[in-house]
Amino acid sequence: MITVFYLGAKTPRLEPSLLVADRRPARLGSPASSLLGRCGAVLAYTILIVDDSAVIRRLVRTTIERNSNWNICGEAENGAVAVEKVKELCPDVVILDLQMPVMDGMAAARQIALIAPKTEMLMFTMHNSEQVAKAARASGIKTVISKTDAPAAQILAFLKTYAKVSAA
């Protein structure tokens, strides 16, 4: 089931197949994003949340779900799982923590940049330094947001900017 938005109202709608630009065909029940549906309805952008803390993932999910133009397509507890989920789900945006077990956010970002170059990545971390920001940019991450500096407002601002740029 895909949620289609008509002027702010949610209407569940089944589609047999949708093609995602520059990506593989979306399967029934999978998140299809950044498309105009029938009658010009805009489908929600999709986000993958990656953090080793279930509490942080839940807080980020709650913050984003308040904005009806976004759909959380999945969650991952480490970078290795995130890379597999990106291959499976083709999200528009990946929100990555820096320090995680198995594979950290920087290593995951480098792999995601190779397999899904059009996927936007946001680093969401406790480490707020220019050195971390430079390393993040080198890994393909364009924005770094500190978990301690009004993160909800910053995440929503990032997503609004992404939506405007993508729509242009």
Protein backbone atom coordinates (compact mmCIF):
# COMPACT_ATOMS: atom_id res chain seq x y z
CA MET A 1 0.00 0.00 0.00
CA ILE A 2 1.31 3.44 -0.91
CA THR A 3 0.13 6.61 0.78
CA VAL A 4 -0.73 9.32 -1.71
CA PHE A 5 -1.15 12.93 -0.61
CA TYR A 6 -3.88 15.08 -2.16
CA LEU A 7 -3.58 18.65 -0.90
CA GLY A 8 -2.55 17.50 2.56
CA ALA A 9 -5.07 14.66 2.92
CA LYS A 10 -3.80 11.08 3.11
CA THR A 11 -5.48 8.54 0.85
CA PRO A 12 -4.25 4.91 0.83
CA ARG A 13 -3.94 3.65 -2.71
CA LEU A 14 -2.74 0.41 -4.26
CA GLU A 15 -0.53 0.64 -7.33
CA PRO A 16 0.55 -2.50 -9.22
CA SER A 17 3.95 -1.07 -10.16
CA LEU A 18 5.65 2.29 -10.06
CA LEU A 19 8.95 3.11 -11.71
CA VAL A 20 11.35 5.14 -9.63
CA ALA A 21 13.57 7.43 -11.73
CA ASP A 22 17.15 6.12 -11.95
CA ARG A 23 16.26 3.23 -9.64
CA ARG A 24 14.78 -0.22 -9.97
CA PRO A 25 10.97 -0.65 -10.24
CA ALA A 26 9.18 -0.29 -6.93
CA ARG A 27 7.40 -3.44 -5.79
CA LEU A 28 3.86 -3.44 -4.47
CA GLY A 29 4.08 -2.63 -0.79
CA SER A 30 7.54 -1.07 -1.07
CA PRO A 31 8.08 2.65 -0.58
CA ALA A 32 8.05 4.50 -3.88
CA SER A 33 9.14 8.06 -3.56
CA SER A 34 9.64 11.39 -5.24
CA LEU A 35 7.11 10.64 -7.97
CA LEU A 36 3.97 12.20 -9.25
CA GLY A 37 1.20 9.67 -8.94
CA ARG A 38 -1.96 9.60 -10.99
CA CYS A 39 -3.84 12.92 -11.00
CA GLY A 40 -0.64 14.75 -10.04
CA ALA A 41 -0.60 13.53 -6.42
CA VAL A 42 2.83 13.80 -4.82
CA LEU A 43 4.09 10.67 -3.09
CA ALA A 44 6.05 11.08 0.14
CA TYR A 45 9.84 11.21 0.19
CA THR A 46 11.39 8.26 2.02
CA ILE A 47 13.89 8.22 4.88
CA LEU A 48 16.06 5.50 6.40
CA ILE A 49 17.07 6.14 10.05
CA VAL A 50 20.38 4.59 11.15
CA ASP A 51 21.44 4.71 14.81
CA ASP A 52 22.57 2.05 17.27
CA SER A 53 20.21 3.49 19.91
CA ALA A 54 16.58 2.40 19.59
CA VAL A 55 15.61 5.44 21.69
CA ILE A 56 17.26 7.86 19.25
CA ARG A 57 15.71 6.08 16.25
CA ARG A 58 12.28 6.40 17.89
CA LEU A 59 12.81 10.11 18.67
CA VAL A 60 13.90 10.85 15.09
CA ARG A 61 10.96 8.83 13.73
CA THR A 62 8.47 10.72 15.93
CA THR A 63 9.92 14.08 14.88
CA ILE A 64 9.72 13.24 11.19
CA GLU A 65 6.31 11.55 11.25
CA ARG A 66 4.77 14.82 12.43
CA ASN A 67 5.58 16.12 8.94
CA SER A 68 3.15 14.30 6.64
CA ASN A 69 5.31 14.82 3.53
CA TRP A 70 7.85 12.26 4.74
CA ASN A 71 7.71 8.50 5.09
CA ILE A 72 10.09 6.46 7.26
CA CYS A 73 10.82 3.47 5.01
CA GLY A 74 13.08 1.69 7.49
CA GLU A 75 15.52 1.68 10.37
CA ALA A 76 18.95 0.13 10.91
CA GLU A 77 21.05 -0.35 14.04
CA ASN A 78 24.46 -0.21 12.33
CA GLY A 79 26.15 0.78 9.09
CA ALA A 80 26.29 -2.72 7.60
CA VAL A 81 22.53 -3.17 7.97
CA ALA A 82 22.05 0.37 6.59
CA VAL A 83 23.93 -0.47 3.38
CA GLU A 84 21.73 -3.55 2.84
CA LYS A 85 18.56 -1.54 3.53
CA VAL A 86 19.63 1.16 1.06
CA LYS A 87 20.00 -1.55 -1.61
CA GLU A 88 16.55 -2.92 -0.74
CA LEU A 89 14.56 0.28 -0.09
CA CYS A 90 16.24 2.99 -2.23
CA PRO A 91 15.48 5.80 0.26
CA ASP A 92 15.67 9.46 -0.73
CA VAL A 93 17.44 10.39 2.52
CA VAL A 94 19.56 8.42 5.01
CA ILE A 95 20.06 9.83 8.51
CA LEU A 96 23.25 8.26 9.93
CA ASP A 97 24.81 8.20 13.38
CA LEU A 98 28.62 8.40 13.45
CA GLN A 99 29.61 5.83 16.06
CA MET A 100 27.93 2.45 15.70
CA PRO A 101 29.00 -1.16 16.10
CA VAL A 102 29.92 -3.37 13.12
CA MET A 103 30.28 -0.44 10.67
CA ASP A 104 30.38 3.25 11.60
CA GLY A 105 28.49 6.02 9.84
CA MET A 106 31.44 7.26 7.75
CA ALA A 107 32.18 3.80 6.31
CA ALA A 108 28.48 3.25 5.62
CA ALA A 109 28.24 6.66 3.92
CA ARG A 110 31.13 5.82 1.59
CA GLN A 111 29.42 2.58 0.54
CA ILE A 112 26.00 4.23 0.20
CA ALA A 113 27.51 6.98 -1.98
CA LEU A 114 28.80 4.27 -4.35
CA ILE A 115 25.62 2.20 -4.57
CA ALA A 116 23.05 5.03 -4.40
CA PRO A 117 24.73 8.29 -5.48
CA LYS A 118 21.43 10.21 -5.60
CA THR A 119 20.54 9.34 -2.01
CA GLU A 120 21.07 12.34 0.27
CA MET A 121 22.85 11.63 3.56
CA LEU A 122 22.69 13.48 6.86
CA MET A 123 25.08 12.76 9.76
CA PHE A 124 23.30 12.98 13.13
CA THR A 125 25.93 12.76 15.86
CA MET A 126 27.09 13.79 19.33
CA HIS A 127 30.44 14.80 17.83
CA ASN A 128 30.22 18.42 16.73
CA SER A 129 33.55 19.52 15.27
CA GLU A 130 34.94 20.86 12.01
CA GLN A 131 37.10 17.73 11.74
CA VAL A 132 34.01 15.49 11.84
CA ALA A 133 32.25 17.73 9.30
CA LYS A 134 35.22 17.54 6.89
CA ALA A 135 35.43 13.76 7.21
CA ALA A 136 31.66 13.52 6.67
CA ARG A 137 31.83 15.63 3.49
CA ALA A 138 34.69 13.43 2.22
CA SER A 139 32.41 10.41 2.79
CA GLY A 140 29.56 11.89 0.74
CA ILE A 141 27.57 13.44 3.59
CA LYS A 142 26.53 17.03 2.92
CA THR A 143 25.09 17.98 6.31
CA VAL A 144 26.12 17.23 9.90
CA ILE A 145 23.65 17.91 12.73
CA SER A 146 24.56 17.73 16.40
CA LYS A 147 22.28 15.71 18.66
CA THR A 148 22.71 18.43 21.30
CA ASP A 149 21.85 21.62 19.34
CA ALA A 150 18.05 21.72 18.75
CA PRO A 151 18.17 18.58 16.60
CA ALA A 152 14.45 18.34 15.80
CA ALA A 153 14.35 21.81 14.26
CA GLN A 154 17.59 21.19 12.35
CA ILE A 155 16.44 17.85 10.94
CA LEU A 156 13.14 19.33 9.78
CA ALA A 157 14.94 22.32 8.23
CA PHE A 158 17.25 19.93 6.35
CA LEU A 159 14.30 17.88 5.07
CA LYS A 160 12.41 20.99 3.94
CA THR A 161 15.49 22.20 2.06
CA TYR A 162 15.92 18.76 0.48
CA ALA A 163 12.28 18.73 -0.68
CA LYS A 164 12.60 22.19 -2.26
CA VAL A 165 15.82 21.29 -4.09
CA SER A 166 14.43 17.93 -5.27
CA ALA A 167 11.23 19.51 -6.56
CA ALA A 168 13.13 22.11 -8.59
